N, C-alpha and C. Protein backbone atom coordinates (compact mmCIF):
# COMPACT_ATOMS: atom_id res chain seq x y z
N MET A 1 0.83 -1.20 0.00
CA MET A 1 0.00 0.00 0.00
C MET A 1 0.86 1.25 0.00
N LYS A 2 1.94 1.24 0.82
CA LYS A 2 2.83 2.39 0.89
C LYS A 2 3.51 2.64 -0.45
N THR A 3 3.92 1.55 -1.13
CA THR A 3 4.58 1.67 -2.44
C THR A 3 3.63 2.29 -3.46
N ILE A 4 2.38 1.83 -3.47
CA ILE A 4 1.38 2.37 -4.41
C ILE A 4 1.15 3.85 -4.14
N LEU A 5 1.08 4.23 -2.88
CA LEU A 5 0.89 5.63 -2.51
C LEU A 5 2.05 6.49 -3.00
N LEU A 6 3.29 5.99 -2.83
CA LEU A 6 4.47 6.72 -3.28
C LEU A 6 4.48 6.89 -4.80
N ILE A 7 4.08 5.84 -5.53
CA ILE A 7 4.01 5.91 -7.00
C ILE A 7 2.97 6.94 -7.43
N LEU A 8 1.81 6.92 -6.77
CA LEU A 8 0.76 7.88 -7.10
C LEU A 8 1.19 9.31 -6.81
N MET A 9 1.88 9.51 -5.68
CA MET A 9 2.38 10.85 -5.33
C MET A 9 3.40 11.33 -6.36
N SER A 10 4.30 10.43 -6.78
CA SER A 10 5.32 10.78 -7.76
C SER A 10 4.68 11.12 -9.10
N THR A 11 3.68 10.33 -9.53
CA THR A 11 2.98 10.58 -10.78
C THR A 11 2.24 11.92 -10.72
N PHE A 12 1.59 12.20 -9.59
CA PHE A 12 0.87 13.46 -9.41
C PHE A 12 1.84 14.64 -9.50
N SER A 13 3.02 14.48 -8.88
CA SER A 13 4.04 15.53 -8.90
C SER A 13 4.49 15.82 -10.33
N LEU A 14 4.69 14.76 -11.13
CA LEU A 14 5.11 14.95 -12.52
C LEU A 14 4.01 15.62 -13.33
N LEU A 15 2.76 15.26 -13.05
CA LEU A 15 1.64 15.87 -13.77
C LEU A 15 1.48 17.34 -13.41
N CYS A 16 1.89 17.72 -12.19
CA CYS A 16 1.77 19.11 -11.73
C CYS A 16 2.87 20.01 -12.30
N ALA A 17 3.86 19.42 -12.93
CA ALA A 17 4.97 20.21 -13.46
C ALA A 17 4.48 21.15 -14.55
N THR A 18 4.79 22.43 -14.40
CA THR A 18 4.41 23.38 -15.45
C THR A 18 5.62 23.77 -16.29
N GLN A 19 6.82 23.38 -15.86
CA GLN A 19 8.03 23.57 -16.67
C GLN A 19 8.58 22.19 -17.03
N LYS A 20 8.82 21.99 -18.31
CA LYS A 20 9.35 20.70 -18.77
C LYS A 20 10.55 20.93 -19.70
N ILE A 21 11.59 20.16 -19.45
CA ILE A 21 12.74 20.11 -20.34
C ILE A 21 12.61 18.79 -21.08
N VAL A 22 12.35 18.85 -22.38
CA VAL A 22 12.11 17.63 -23.16
C VAL A 22 13.27 17.43 -24.14
N VAL A 23 13.94 16.29 -23.99
CA VAL A 23 15.07 15.93 -24.85
C VAL A 23 14.66 14.75 -25.70
N THR A 24 14.74 14.91 -27.03
CA THR A 24 14.33 13.84 -27.93
C THR A 24 15.50 13.44 -28.84
N THR A 25 15.54 12.14 -29.12
CA THR A 25 16.57 11.60 -30.01
C THR A 25 15.89 10.95 -31.21
N LYS A 26 16.66 10.77 -32.29
CA LYS A 26 16.12 10.10 -33.47
C LYS A 26 16.08 8.59 -33.27
N GLU A 27 17.09 8.07 -32.57
CA GLU A 27 17.20 6.63 -32.33
C GLU A 27 17.73 6.40 -30.92
N LEU A 28 17.55 5.20 -30.39
CA LEU A 28 18.04 4.88 -29.06
C LEU A 28 19.55 5.03 -28.93
N ASN A 29 20.28 4.74 -30.03
CA ASN A 29 21.74 4.82 -29.95
C ASN A 29 22.31 6.17 -30.41
N SER A 30 21.44 7.17 -30.62
CA SER A 30 21.92 8.52 -30.97
C SER A 30 22.67 9.12 -29.80
N THR A 31 23.75 9.82 -30.09
CA THR A 31 24.52 10.47 -29.02
C THR A 31 24.27 11.97 -28.97
N THR A 32 23.52 12.47 -29.92
CA THR A 32 23.09 13.87 -29.89
C THR A 32 21.57 13.89 -29.88
N ALA A 33 21.02 14.98 -29.37
CA ALA A 33 19.57 15.08 -29.23
C ALA A 33 19.15 16.54 -29.32
N THR A 34 17.85 16.76 -29.29
CA THR A 34 17.29 18.11 -29.33
C THR A 34 16.58 18.38 -28.01
N LEU A 35 16.88 19.52 -27.42
CA LEU A 35 16.24 19.92 -26.16
C LEU A 35 15.29 21.08 -26.44
N GLN A 36 14.05 20.93 -25.96
CA GLN A 36 13.05 21.99 -26.08
C GLN A 36 12.45 22.25 -24.70
N ARG A 37 12.34 23.53 -24.33
CA ARG A 37 11.70 23.91 -23.07
C ARG A 37 10.21 24.14 -23.31
N TYR A 38 9.41 23.77 -22.29
CA TYR A 38 7.97 23.99 -22.33
C TYR A 38 7.51 24.58 -21.01
N GLU A 39 6.55 25.49 -21.10
CA GLU A 39 5.90 26.01 -19.90
C GLU A 39 4.41 26.06 -20.16
N ASP A 40 3.64 25.40 -19.29
CA ASP A 40 2.19 25.28 -19.49
C ASP A 40 1.88 24.76 -20.89
N SER A 41 2.64 23.77 -21.32
CA SER A 41 2.47 23.08 -22.62
C SER A 41 2.83 23.95 -23.83
N GLU A 42 3.34 25.16 -23.60
CA GLU A 42 3.76 26.02 -24.70
C GLU A 42 5.28 25.99 -24.83
N LYS A 43 5.76 25.97 -26.07
CA LYS A 43 7.21 26.00 -26.30
C LYS A 43 7.80 27.30 -25.79
N VAL A 44 8.99 27.20 -25.20
CA VAL A 44 9.72 28.39 -24.73
C VAL A 44 11.07 28.40 -25.45
N GLY A 45 11.35 29.46 -26.17
CA GLY A 45 12.63 29.59 -26.85
C GLY A 45 12.80 28.59 -27.97
N ASP A 46 13.97 28.64 -28.58
CA ASP A 46 14.29 27.74 -29.68
C ASP A 46 14.80 26.41 -29.15
N ALA A 47 14.63 25.37 -29.93
CA ALA A 47 15.21 24.06 -29.60
C ALA A 47 16.72 24.17 -29.73
N ILE A 48 17.44 23.45 -28.88
CA ILE A 48 18.91 23.47 -28.94
C ILE A 48 19.43 22.04 -29.07
N LYS A 49 20.65 21.94 -29.60
CA LYS A 49 21.30 20.64 -29.72
C LYS A 49 22.06 20.33 -28.44
N VAL A 50 21.91 19.10 -27.96
CA VAL A 50 22.61 18.65 -26.76
C VAL A 50 23.27 17.30 -27.04
N ASN A 51 24.18 16.93 -26.16
CA ASN A 51 24.83 15.62 -26.24
C ASN A 51 24.28 14.73 -25.13
N ILE A 52 24.18 13.43 -25.42
CA ILE A 52 23.78 12.49 -24.37
C ILE A 52 24.82 11.37 -24.30
N GLY A 53 24.47 10.24 -23.72
CA GLY A 53 25.42 9.17 -23.47
C GLY A 53 26.12 8.62 -24.70
N ARG A 54 27.33 8.15 -24.52
CA ARG A 54 28.13 7.61 -25.63
C ARG A 54 27.49 6.37 -26.26
N SER A 55 26.58 5.70 -25.52
CA SER A 55 25.85 4.56 -26.07
C SER A 55 24.41 4.93 -26.43
N GLY A 56 24.09 6.19 -26.31
CA GLY A 56 22.73 6.65 -26.59
C GLY A 56 21.92 6.72 -25.31
N MET A 57 20.71 6.18 -25.35
CA MET A 57 19.86 6.19 -24.15
C MET A 57 19.23 4.81 -23.97
N SER A 58 18.76 4.56 -22.75
CA SER A 58 18.16 3.27 -22.45
C SER A 58 17.07 3.44 -21.40
N TYR A 59 16.01 2.63 -21.54
CA TYR A 59 14.96 2.59 -20.52
C TYR A 59 15.33 1.62 -19.40
N ASP A 60 16.47 0.96 -19.55
CA ASP A 60 16.95 0.01 -18.53
C ASP A 60 18.45 0.26 -18.31
N LYS A 61 18.77 1.45 -17.84
CA LYS A 61 20.17 1.83 -17.66
C LYS A 61 20.86 0.97 -16.61
N LYS A 62 22.16 0.71 -16.85
CA LYS A 62 23.01 0.00 -15.90
C LYS A 62 24.25 0.87 -15.64
N GLU A 63 24.83 0.72 -14.48
CA GLU A 63 26.04 1.47 -14.12
C GLU A 63 27.15 1.21 -15.13
N GLY A 64 27.70 2.29 -15.68
CA GLY A 64 28.84 2.19 -16.58
C GLY A 64 28.53 1.81 -18.01
N ASP A 65 27.23 1.71 -18.38
CA ASP A 65 26.91 1.27 -19.74
C ASP A 65 26.99 2.39 -20.79
N GLY A 66 27.21 3.63 -20.35
CA GLY A 66 27.33 4.74 -21.29
C GLY A 66 26.01 5.26 -21.83
N ASN A 67 24.91 4.75 -21.31
CA ASN A 67 23.59 5.21 -21.73
C ASN A 67 23.09 6.33 -20.83
N ALA A 68 22.36 7.26 -21.42
CA ALA A 68 21.60 8.24 -20.64
C ALA A 68 20.28 7.57 -20.29
N PRO A 69 19.78 7.74 -19.07
CA PRO A 69 18.52 7.09 -18.70
C PRO A 69 17.32 7.80 -19.33
N ALA A 70 16.49 7.02 -20.03
CA ALA A 70 15.28 7.55 -20.63
C ALA A 70 14.16 7.55 -19.59
N GLY A 71 13.26 8.51 -19.70
CA GLY A 71 12.14 8.58 -18.77
C GLY A 71 11.86 10.01 -18.34
N GLU A 72 11.07 10.15 -17.28
CA GLU A 72 10.70 11.45 -16.71
C GLU A 72 11.25 11.55 -15.29
N PHE A 73 11.95 12.64 -15.02
CA PHE A 73 12.62 12.79 -13.73
C PHE A 73 12.48 14.20 -13.19
N LYS A 74 12.38 14.30 -11.86
CA LYS A 74 12.42 15.61 -11.22
C LYS A 74 13.85 16.15 -11.30
N LEU A 75 13.98 17.44 -11.06
CA LEU A 75 15.31 18.06 -10.99
C LEU A 75 15.67 18.34 -9.54
N GLY A 76 16.94 18.20 -9.24
CA GLY A 76 17.43 18.48 -7.89
C GLY A 76 18.11 19.83 -7.83
N ASN A 77 19.17 19.88 -7.07
CA ASN A 77 19.92 21.13 -6.89
C ASN A 77 20.72 21.49 -8.12
N VAL A 78 21.05 22.77 -8.21
CA VAL A 78 22.04 23.25 -9.17
C VAL A 78 23.36 23.33 -8.41
N TYR A 79 24.43 22.88 -9.03
CA TYR A 79 25.77 22.93 -8.44
C TYR A 79 26.67 23.74 -9.36
N GLY A 80 27.68 24.36 -8.77
CA GLY A 80 28.62 25.12 -9.59
C GLY A 80 29.88 25.47 -8.84
N TYR A 81 30.90 25.86 -9.61
CA TYR A 81 32.20 26.19 -9.02
C TYR A 81 32.18 27.55 -8.32
N LYS A 82 31.35 28.47 -8.81
CA LYS A 82 31.33 29.82 -8.23
C LYS A 82 30.42 29.89 -7.00
N GLN A 83 30.51 31.00 -6.30
CA GLN A 83 29.75 31.17 -5.05
C GLN A 83 28.24 31.21 -5.30
N SER A 84 27.85 31.69 -6.47
CA SER A 84 26.42 31.77 -6.78
C SER A 84 26.23 31.64 -8.28
N ALA A 85 24.97 31.46 -8.67
CA ALA A 85 24.62 31.39 -10.08
C ALA A 85 23.29 32.10 -10.27
N GLU A 86 23.07 32.56 -11.48
CA GLU A 86 21.83 33.29 -11.76
C GLU A 86 20.71 32.28 -12.01
N THR A 87 20.08 31.85 -10.94
CA THR A 87 18.99 30.88 -11.01
C THR A 87 18.12 30.97 -9.76
N LYS A 88 16.86 30.56 -9.91
CA LYS A 88 15.96 30.49 -8.76
C LYS A 88 16.05 29.13 -8.08
N MET A 89 16.66 28.18 -8.77
CA MET A 89 16.78 26.82 -8.23
C MET A 89 17.71 26.82 -7.02
N PRO A 90 17.55 25.85 -6.10
CA PRO A 90 18.49 25.74 -4.97
C PRO A 90 19.90 25.53 -5.51
N TYR A 91 20.84 26.31 -4.99
CA TYR A 91 22.21 26.29 -5.52
C TYR A 91 23.21 25.90 -4.44
N ILE A 92 24.16 25.04 -4.81
CA ILE A 92 25.24 24.63 -3.90
C ILE A 92 26.58 24.83 -4.60
N GLN A 93 27.46 25.56 -3.93
CA GLN A 93 28.80 25.74 -4.49
C GLN A 93 29.59 24.44 -4.28
N ILE A 94 30.26 24.01 -5.34
CA ILE A 94 31.04 22.78 -5.28
C ILE A 94 32.36 23.05 -4.60
N SER A 95 32.59 22.34 -3.51
CA SER A 95 33.87 22.44 -2.80
C SER A 95 34.78 21.31 -3.28
N SER A 96 36.05 21.41 -2.97
CA SER A 96 37.01 20.41 -3.43
C SER A 96 36.82 19.05 -2.78
N ASP A 97 36.03 18.97 -1.71
CA ASP A 97 35.82 17.68 -1.04
C ASP A 97 34.46 17.05 -1.34
N LEU A 98 33.72 17.61 -2.32
CA LEU A 98 32.41 17.08 -2.68
C LEU A 98 32.57 15.98 -3.73
N ILE A 99 31.91 14.83 -3.49
CA ILE A 99 32.02 13.70 -4.41
C ILE A 99 30.63 13.15 -4.73
N CYS A 100 30.53 12.42 -5.85
CA CYS A 100 29.33 11.66 -6.17
C CYS A 100 29.73 10.19 -6.19
N VAL A 101 29.02 9.37 -5.44
CA VAL A 101 29.38 7.97 -5.25
C VAL A 101 28.81 7.11 -6.37
N ASP A 102 29.69 6.43 -7.11
CA ASP A 102 29.22 5.50 -8.15
C ASP A 102 29.58 4.04 -7.83
N ASP A 103 29.94 3.79 -6.59
CA ASP A 103 30.18 2.43 -6.09
C ASP A 103 28.83 1.84 -5.70
N SER A 104 28.30 0.95 -6.54
CA SER A 104 26.94 0.44 -6.32
C SER A 104 26.81 -0.51 -5.13
N THR A 105 27.94 -0.88 -4.54
CA THR A 105 27.88 -1.75 -3.36
C THR A 105 27.82 -0.94 -2.06
N HIS A 106 27.98 0.37 -2.18
CA HIS A 106 28.04 1.23 -0.99
C HIS A 106 26.68 1.82 -0.66
N LYS A 107 26.42 2.05 0.63
CA LYS A 107 25.13 2.59 1.08
C LYS A 107 24.90 4.02 0.58
N GLU A 108 25.97 4.73 0.23
CA GLU A 108 25.84 6.11 -0.26
C GLU A 108 25.80 6.18 -1.80
N TYR A 109 25.57 5.03 -2.44
CA TYR A 109 25.51 4.95 -3.91
C TYR A 109 24.55 5.99 -4.47
N ASN A 110 25.01 6.67 -5.50
CA ASN A 110 24.22 7.68 -6.21
C ASN A 110 23.89 8.89 -5.34
N LYS A 111 24.73 9.16 -4.37
CA LYS A 111 24.53 10.33 -3.51
C LYS A 111 25.74 11.26 -3.63
N ILE A 112 25.48 12.55 -3.44
CA ILE A 112 26.55 13.55 -3.40
C ILE A 112 26.85 13.82 -1.94
N ILE A 113 28.06 13.53 -1.54
CA ILE A 113 28.48 13.68 -0.14
C ILE A 113 29.87 14.30 -0.11
N THR A 114 30.38 14.57 1.08
CA THR A 114 31.76 15.05 1.18
C THR A 114 32.69 13.86 1.38
N ILE A 115 33.92 14.02 0.95
CA ILE A 115 34.91 12.95 1.05
C ILE A 115 35.13 12.52 2.51
N GLN A 116 34.91 13.44 3.44
CA GLN A 116 35.05 13.11 4.87
C GLN A 116 34.03 12.06 5.30
N ASP A 117 32.86 12.05 4.63
CA ASP A 117 31.82 11.09 4.95
C ASP A 117 32.00 9.75 4.23
N ALA A 118 32.99 9.70 3.35
CA ALA A 118 33.21 8.50 2.54
C ALA A 118 34.03 7.48 3.32
N LYS A 119 33.41 6.37 3.59
CA LYS A 119 34.11 5.28 4.28
C LYS A 119 34.05 4.03 3.42
N LYS A 120 35.23 3.55 3.04
CA LYS A 120 35.36 2.32 2.25
C LYS A 120 34.59 2.38 0.93
N ILE A 121 34.61 3.53 0.29
CA ILE A 121 33.98 3.67 -1.02
C ILE A 121 35.03 3.29 -2.08
N LYS A 122 34.67 2.35 -2.94
CA LYS A 122 35.60 1.87 -3.96
C LYS A 122 35.69 2.80 -5.17
N SER A 123 34.59 3.49 -5.44
CA SER A 123 34.55 4.31 -6.65
C SER A 123 33.67 5.54 -6.45
N PHE A 124 34.19 6.69 -6.87
CA PHE A 124 33.44 7.95 -6.80
C PHE A 124 34.09 8.93 -7.76
N GLU A 125 33.41 10.03 -8.00
CA GLU A 125 34.00 11.09 -8.81
C GLU A 125 33.95 12.40 -8.03
N PHE A 126 35.04 13.16 -8.14
CA PHE A 126 35.08 14.48 -7.53
C PHE A 126 34.20 15.41 -8.34
N MET A 127 33.38 16.20 -7.65
CA MET A 127 32.50 17.14 -8.33
C MET A 127 33.28 18.36 -8.84
N LYS A 128 34.36 18.72 -8.16
CA LYS A 128 35.19 19.82 -8.64
C LYS A 128 36.29 19.21 -9.49
N ARG A 129 36.17 19.39 -10.78
CA ARG A 129 37.05 18.75 -11.74
C ARG A 129 38.14 19.71 -12.20
N ASP A 130 39.09 19.17 -12.96
CA ASP A 130 40.15 20.00 -13.53
C ASP A 130 39.68 20.72 -14.79
N ASP A 131 38.51 20.34 -15.29
CA ASP A 131 37.96 21.01 -16.48
C ASP A 131 36.70 21.77 -16.09
N GLU A 132 35.97 22.28 -17.08
CA GLU A 132 34.78 23.09 -16.81
C GLU A 132 33.48 22.31 -16.91
N LEU A 133 33.57 21.00 -17.05
CA LEU A 133 32.38 20.17 -17.26
C LEU A 133 31.31 20.40 -16.20
N TYR A 134 31.72 20.49 -14.94
CA TYR A 134 30.77 20.66 -13.84
C TYR A 134 30.77 22.09 -13.29
N GLU A 135 31.27 23.03 -14.07
CA GLU A 135 31.26 24.43 -13.62
C GLU A 135 29.84 24.87 -13.29
N LEU A 136 28.89 24.36 -14.06
CA LEU A 136 27.46 24.54 -13.79
C LEU A 136 26.77 23.23 -14.13
N LEU A 137 25.95 22.72 -13.23
CA LEU A 137 25.22 21.50 -13.54
C LEU A 137 23.92 21.45 -12.76
N ILE A 138 23.00 20.66 -13.29
CA ILE A 138 21.71 20.43 -12.64
C ILE A 138 21.62 18.94 -12.33
N GLU A 139 21.27 18.64 -11.12
CA GLU A 139 21.11 17.25 -10.71
C GLU A 139 19.79 16.69 -11.26
N VAL A 140 19.87 15.56 -11.96
CA VAL A 140 18.67 14.86 -12.43
C VAL A 140 18.35 13.78 -11.40
N LYS A 141 17.15 13.79 -10.87
CA LYS A 141 16.77 12.86 -9.80
C LYS A 141 16.44 11.48 -10.38
N TYR A 142 17.49 10.83 -10.85
CA TYR A 142 17.39 9.48 -11.41
C TYR A 142 17.83 8.46 -10.35
N ASN A 143 17.22 7.29 -10.36
CA ASN A 143 17.55 6.22 -9.42
C ASN A 143 17.52 6.73 -7.98
N THR A 144 16.43 7.36 -7.63
CA THR A 144 16.31 7.97 -6.30
C THR A 144 16.24 6.94 -5.18
N LYS A 145 15.94 5.69 -5.53
CA LYS A 145 15.95 4.62 -4.51
C LYS A 145 17.35 4.04 -4.34
N ASN A 146 18.30 4.56 -5.13
CA ASN A 146 19.70 4.11 -5.05
C ASN A 146 19.83 2.60 -5.26
N THR A 147 19.08 2.09 -6.22
CA THR A 147 19.13 0.67 -6.54
C THR A 147 20.51 0.32 -7.11
N PRO A 148 21.19 -0.66 -6.53
CA PRO A 148 22.54 -1.02 -7.00
C PRO A 148 22.57 -1.32 -8.50
N LYS A 149 23.62 -0.81 -9.15
CA LYS A 149 23.92 -1.06 -10.57
C LYS A 149 22.92 -0.46 -11.55
N LYS A 150 22.00 0.41 -11.07
CA LYS A 150 21.02 1.02 -11.97
C LYS A 150 21.51 2.35 -12.55
N GLY A 151 22.69 2.79 -12.15
CA GLY A 151 23.23 4.04 -12.67
C GLY A 151 23.24 5.13 -11.63
N SER A 152 24.21 6.05 -11.77
CA SER A 152 24.39 7.08 -10.74
C SER A 152 24.95 8.35 -11.35
N CYS A 153 24.88 9.42 -10.55
CA CYS A 153 25.51 10.70 -10.90
C CYS A 153 25.06 11.19 -12.28
N ILE A 154 23.76 11.32 -12.45
CA ILE A 154 23.20 11.78 -13.72
C ILE A 154 22.91 13.28 -13.60
N PHE A 155 23.51 14.04 -14.51
CA PHE A 155 23.41 15.50 -14.47
C PHE A 155 23.10 16.07 -15.85
N ILE A 156 22.69 17.32 -15.85
CA ILE A 156 22.73 18.16 -17.05
C ILE A 156 23.92 19.07 -16.80
N HIS A 157 24.93 19.00 -17.63
CA HIS A 157 26.15 19.77 -17.37
C HIS A 157 26.71 20.39 -18.65
N LEU A 158 27.82 21.08 -18.53
CA LEU A 158 28.42 21.74 -19.68
C LEU A 158 29.08 20.71 -20.59
N GLN A 159 29.06 20.99 -21.89
CA GLN A 159 29.66 20.06 -22.84
C GLN A 159 31.17 20.23 -22.90
N ARG A 160 31.83 19.12 -23.17
CA ARG A 160 33.28 19.14 -23.37
C ARG A 160 33.57 19.81 -24.72
N ASP A 161 32.74 19.49 -25.70
CA ASP A 161 32.84 20.06 -27.03
C ASP A 161 31.57 19.70 -27.78
N GLN A 162 31.33 20.36 -28.90
CA GLN A 162 30.17 20.03 -29.71
C GLN A 162 30.28 18.59 -30.19
N ASN A 163 29.17 17.88 -30.17
CA ASN A 163 29.07 16.51 -30.68
C ASN A 163 29.86 15.48 -29.90
N LEU A 164 30.36 15.83 -28.72
CA LEU A 164 31.06 14.84 -27.91
C LEU A 164 30.09 14.26 -26.89
N PRO A 165 29.85 12.94 -26.94
CA PRO A 165 28.91 12.33 -26.00
C PRO A 165 29.42 12.31 -24.58
N THR A 166 28.54 11.96 -23.68
CA THR A 166 28.85 11.92 -22.25
C THR A 166 28.91 10.47 -21.77
N ALA A 167 29.13 10.29 -20.48
CA ALA A 167 29.11 8.95 -19.88
C ALA A 167 27.68 8.51 -19.54
N GLY A 168 26.70 9.41 -19.72
CA GLY A 168 25.31 9.08 -19.41
C GLY A 168 24.48 10.30 -19.05
N CYS A 169 25.13 11.45 -19.02
CA CYS A 169 24.46 12.72 -18.69
C CYS A 169 23.98 13.40 -19.97
N THR A 170 23.45 14.60 -19.83
CA THR A 170 23.09 15.46 -20.95
C THR A 170 23.96 16.70 -20.85
N SER A 171 24.61 17.08 -21.96
CA SER A 171 25.50 18.24 -21.91
C SER A 171 25.13 19.27 -22.97
N MET A 172 25.51 20.50 -22.70
CA MET A 172 25.18 21.61 -23.60
C MET A 172 26.21 22.72 -23.44
N SER A 173 26.10 23.73 -24.29
CA SER A 173 27.01 24.88 -24.21
C SER A 173 26.73 25.70 -22.96
N LYS A 174 27.72 26.48 -22.55
CA LYS A 174 27.56 27.33 -21.36
C LYS A 174 26.46 28.37 -21.57
N GLU A 175 26.39 28.91 -22.76
CA GLU A 175 25.36 29.91 -23.08
C GLU A 175 23.96 29.31 -22.89
N ASN A 176 23.76 28.12 -23.42
CA ASN A 176 22.46 27.46 -23.28
C ASN A 176 22.17 27.07 -21.84
N MET A 177 23.20 26.65 -21.12
CA MET A 177 23.02 26.32 -19.70
C MET A 177 22.57 27.54 -18.91
N ASN A 178 23.19 28.68 -19.15
CA ASN A 178 22.81 29.92 -18.45
C ASN A 178 21.36 30.30 -18.75
N THR A 179 20.95 30.14 -20.00
CA THR A 179 19.55 30.43 -20.37
C THR A 179 18.61 29.50 -19.63
N LEU A 180 18.96 28.22 -19.57
CA LEU A 180 18.14 27.22 -18.88
C LEU A 180 18.03 27.53 -17.39
N LEU A 181 19.15 27.88 -16.77
CA LEU A 181 19.16 28.15 -15.34
C LEU A 181 18.34 29.39 -14.98
N LYS A 182 18.39 30.42 -15.81
CA LYS A 182 17.61 31.63 -15.56
C LYS A 182 16.11 31.35 -15.66
N TRP A 183 15.76 30.44 -16.53
CA TRP A 183 14.35 30.11 -16.78
C TRP A 183 13.75 29.21 -15.70
N LEU A 184 14.51 28.26 -15.21
CA LEU A 184 13.97 27.28 -14.26
C LEU A 184 13.47 27.93 -12.97
N ASP A 185 12.34 27.43 -12.50
CA ASP A 185 11.72 27.97 -11.29
C ASP A 185 11.20 26.79 -10.45
N PRO A 186 11.75 26.57 -9.26
CA PRO A 186 11.31 25.43 -8.44
C PRO A 186 9.83 25.45 -8.10
N ASN A 187 9.22 26.63 -8.08
CA ASN A 187 7.78 26.73 -7.79
C ASN A 187 6.94 26.15 -8.92
N LYS A 188 7.56 25.99 -10.10
CA LYS A 188 6.84 25.41 -11.24
C LYS A 188 7.14 23.94 -11.42
N LYS A 189 7.79 23.35 -10.40
CA LYS A 189 8.05 21.92 -10.34
C LYS A 189 8.62 21.36 -11.65
N PRO A 190 9.77 21.90 -12.09
CA PRO A 190 10.33 21.47 -13.38
C PRO A 190 10.73 19.99 -13.41
N ILE A 191 10.52 19.39 -14.57
CA ILE A 191 10.92 18.00 -14.79
C ILE A 191 11.76 17.89 -16.05
N PHE A 192 12.52 16.82 -16.11
CA PHE A 192 13.39 16.50 -17.24
C PHE A 192 12.86 15.23 -17.89
N ILE A 193 12.63 15.29 -19.20
CA ILE A 193 12.12 14.13 -19.93
C ILE A 193 13.09 13.80 -21.05
N LEU A 194 13.55 12.56 -21.09
CA LEU A 194 14.42 12.07 -22.16
C LEU A 194 13.68 10.95 -22.86
N LYS A 195 13.45 11.12 -24.17
CA LYS A 195 12.72 10.09 -24.91
C LYS A 195 13.22 9.97 -26.34
């Protein structure tokens, strides 16, 4: 009964979303896609080109498979290297000790924590990188039950270059990211859809 209630609440929350980020691909194995913003079912701005996983996308993602997870997901916090960002979304500055856990055997799997909290973690990635990939990113609330081997650390982040796929995230230019961040409003319950 509790599980059914949680599913109904999650479905209701997705239906209440008035802001939608919709990413569409031509084929499951496409590594580039088109992103269109919607508000109250109306298109907002022009469609933009984005990159997705090096293996395309999958409705049954596995850890390390290179696929971006297909489906509908809520958005979490915005993270960035600077002290603040021009967005209404909750923002967290990335410190040098912030990590995302991709060790599916660990209890903190698919969570962003500090390295001080990491005990016996076999695999993780530092959120503050040597490049600009995570200079600005949006957390995609994928695998929120932290199911082992279902995939972790899924973000919308800056692209390494045009037409370069990701490990499973969605990437775009800095200009497009800034436009997206200014538009997003947590009061409008934004969701991310990859199909």
